[in-house]
Amino acid sequence: MKKLLLVVGFTCFATLCFGQKHLLSYDDLKYLLTNNLQRADTFMMAKGYLATGKNNIKNRSYKSETGSSHVDVDIRLDGKRLFIEIQTNEIEQYDLIHSSIAQYITKDAQVADVQTYAIKELGSIYITVNDTVPYDPLKKDYDIHIVSDKHITSYN
């Protein structure tokens, strides 16, 4: 009985630890914004994302799909600053970003349908929540834009 309970415990722990492996948090976003695109490639591949589209020198696109859920990440280099756009229908991704930035928020506002957060040592995050097409009350589309501060630059 103890062995069965131990196996079930380890299984639950492993599911919790690896269940959100492909989701991005505050630390992941900070790492992406302060490193170059080659390191972003390696990092995103390790998180389980696949490179999609035409990836050129200044733009990268990644995709992760699990069943009917998807997370699309676009990273754009503009000079030495990186901009990240996340499009998803996974509420877990929205919740993870929202909960991981909670302690770093310096200013927040909501204008129309856009939630705006100024984050210490990261930049600004803009989140838009829309209904899915076709309408499903249990699913929403989340559009998350991360704009780094002007003093945060990627390095080689």
Protein backbone atom coordinates (compact mmCIF):
# COMPACT_ATOMS: atom_id res chain seq x y z
CA MET A 1 0.00 0.00 0.00
CA LYS A 2 2.83 2.38 0.86
CA LYS A 3 4.54 1.65 -2.46
CA LEU A 4 1.36 2.41 -4.37
CA LEU A 5 0.91 5.66 -2.48
CA LEU A 6 4.56 6.55 -3.13
CA VAL A 7 4.23 5.85 -6.87
CA VAL A 8 1.04 7.93 -7.08
CA GLY A 9 2.77 10.75 -5.19
CA PHE A 10 5.75 10.77 -7.54
CA THR A 11 3.46 10.67 -10.57
CA CYS A 12 1.49 13.68 -9.33
CA PHE A 13 4.71 15.55 -8.57
CA ALA A 14 6.13 14.81 -12.02
CA THR A 15 2.89 15.91 -13.67
CA LEU A 16 2.91 19.19 -11.77
CA CYS A 17 6.58 19.86 -12.50
CA PHE A 18 6.51 19.01 -16.19
CA GLY A 19 2.88 19.94 -16.91
CA GLN A 20 3.69 23.60 -17.51
CA LYS A 21 7.08 23.08 -19.12
CA HIS A 22 6.12 24.83 -22.36
CA LEU A 23 4.57 27.88 -20.66
CA LEU A 24 6.55 31.11 -20.25
CA SER A 25 6.95 32.93 -16.92
CA TYR A 26 8.51 36.23 -15.78
CA ASP A 27 11.98 34.66 -15.52
CA ASP A 28 11.70 33.18 -19.01
CA LEU A 29 10.65 36.53 -20.47
CA LYS A 30 13.49 38.32 -18.69
CA TYR A 31 15.98 35.76 -20.06
CA LEU A 32 14.63 36.18 -23.60
CA LEU A 33 14.75 39.99 -23.45
CA THR A 34 18.34 40.15 -22.21
CA ASN A 35 19.86 37.55 -24.56
CA ASN A 36 20.32 37.42 -28.31
CA LEU A 37 18.12 35.54 -30.79
CA GLN A 38 20.50 32.56 -31.07
CA ARG A 39 20.14 31.92 -27.34
CA ALA A 40 16.39 32.45 -27.68
CA ASP A 41 16.35 29.66 -30.30
CA THR A 42 18.11 27.26 -27.97
CA PHE A 43 15.92 28.24 -25.02
CA MET A 44 12.64 27.93 -26.90
CA MET A 45 13.61 24.56 -28.37
CA ALA A 46 14.44 23.34 -24.85
CA LYS A 47 11.00 24.50 -23.68
CA GLY A 48 9.41 22.32 -26.38
CA TYR A 49 8.54 24.94 -29.01
CA LEU A 50 8.99 24.36 -32.73
CA ALA A 51 10.41 27.07 -34.99
CA THR A 52 7.82 28.06 -37.60
CA GLY A 53 7.64 30.31 -40.62
CA LYS A 54 10.52 32.10 -42.22
CA ASN A 55 12.93 32.87 -39.42
CA ASN A 56 15.32 35.56 -40.53
CA ILE A 57 18.00 37.55 -38.75
CA LYS A 58 15.58 39.86 -36.90
CA ASN A 59 12.38 37.83 -36.46
CA ARG A 60 11.68 34.43 -34.91
CA SER A 61 8.42 32.52 -34.57
CA TYR A 62 7.74 29.53 -32.35
CA LYS A 63 4.70 27.32 -31.86
CA SER A 64 3.57 24.81 -29.26
CA GLU A 65 0.37 22.81 -29.66
CA THR A 66 -1.22 20.38 -27.22
CA GLY A 67 -4.62 19.13 -28.33
CA SER A 68 -6.87 22.10 -29.03
CA SER A 69 -4.59 24.54 -27.16
CA HIS A 70 -1.81 26.52 -28.76
CA VAL A 71 0.87 29.02 -27.81
CA ASP A 72 2.45 31.10 -30.58
CA VAL A 73 5.48 33.22 -29.69
CA ASP A 74 6.97 35.85 -32.01
CA ILE A 75 10.25 37.56 -31.09
CA ARG A 76 11.33 40.64 -33.01
CA LEU A 77 14.71 42.35 -32.81
CA ASP A 78 14.69 46.12 -33.31
CA GLY A 79 18.18 47.47 -32.89
CA LYS A 80 19.36 45.97 -29.60
CA ARG A 81 15.86 45.66 -28.09
CA LEU A 82 13.65 42.60 -28.29
CA PHE A 83 9.86 42.63 -28.49
CA ILE A 84 7.84 39.53 -27.66
CA GLU A 85 4.29 38.73 -28.73
CA ILE A 86 2.44 35.71 -27.33
CA GLN A 87 -0.85 34.55 -28.82
CA THR A 88 -2.57 31.73 -26.98
CA ASN A 89 -5.86 30.21 -25.96
CA GLU A 90 -4.42 28.56 -22.83
CA ILE A 91 -5.63 30.21 -19.66
CA GLU A 92 -2.69 28.58 -17.86
CA GLN A 93 -0.25 30.74 -19.88
CA TYR A 94 -2.18 33.89 -18.97
CA ASP A 95 -2.37 32.86 -15.30
CA LEU A 96 1.34 31.98 -15.16
CA ILE A 97 2.41 35.33 -16.57
CA HIS A 98 -0.08 37.23 -14.42
CA SER A 99 0.95 35.47 -11.20
CA SER A 100 4.71 35.55 -11.89
CA ILE A 101 4.73 39.33 -12.55
CA ALA A 102 2.50 40.16 -9.56
CA GLN A 103 5.38 40.95 -7.22
CA TYR A 104 7.21 43.10 -9.82
CA ILE A 105 4.34 45.38 -10.90
CA THR A 106 5.15 49.07 -10.47
CA LYS A 107 2.07 50.41 -12.24
CA ASP A 108 -1.05 48.83 -13.73
CA ALA A 109 -4.05 50.14 -15.64
CA GLN A 110 -6.89 48.97 -17.80
CA VAL A 111 -7.83 51.02 -20.83
CA ALA A 112 -10.81 49.69 -22.77
CA ASP A 113 -10.04 45.98 -23.27
CA VAL A 114 -6.27 46.19 -22.70
CA GLN A 115 -4.63 45.40 -19.37
CA THR A 116 -1.37 47.33 -19.03
CA TYR A 117 1.39 46.53 -16.55
CA ALA A 118 4.70 48.31 -15.97
CA ILE A 119 7.10 45.69 -14.66
CA LYS A 120 10.27 46.38 -12.68
CA GLU A 121 13.42 45.34 -14.59
CA LEU A 122 11.41 44.09 -17.58
CA GLY A 123 9.31 46.71 -19.32
CA SER A 124 5.65 46.91 -20.18
CA ILE A 125 3.17 44.10 -20.73
CA TYR A 126 -0.06 44.63 -22.66
CA ILE A 127 -2.70 41.90 -22.44
CA THR A 128 -5.85 41.70 -24.57
CA VAL A 129 -8.51 39.07 -23.92
CA ASN A 130 -11.02 38.25 -26.69
CA ASP A 131 -13.76 35.68 -27.20
CA THR A 132 -12.95 32.73 -29.44
CA VAL A 133 -14.50 32.19 -32.85
CA PRO A 134 -16.79 30.21 -32.83
CA TYR A 135 -17.92 31.42 -29.42
CA ASP A 136 -17.09 29.14 -26.51
CA PRO A 137 -17.68 30.49 -22.98
CA LEU A 138 -14.86 28.32 -21.60
CA LYS A 139 -12.16 29.48 -24.03
CA LYS A 140 -10.66 32.90 -24.62
CA ASP A 141 -7.93 34.16 -26.92
CA TYR A 142 -5.10 35.96 -25.13
CA ASP A 143 -2.79 38.38 -26.93
CA ILE A 144 0.21 39.34 -24.77
CA HIS A 145 2.77 41.93 -25.90
CA ILE A 146 5.99 42.48 -23.97
CA VAL A 147 7.94 45.67 -24.68
CA SER A 148 11.28 45.93 -22.91
CA ASP A 149 12.43 49.11 -21.23
CA LYS A 150 14.78 51.27 -23.26
CA HIS A 151 17.70 50.42 -20.95
CA ILE A 152 17.22 46.63 -21.36
CA THR A 153 19.10 45.47 -24.42
CA SER A 154 20.05 42.05 -25.72
CA TYR A 155 23.72 41.20 -25.82
CA ASN A 156 25.72 38.78 -27.93
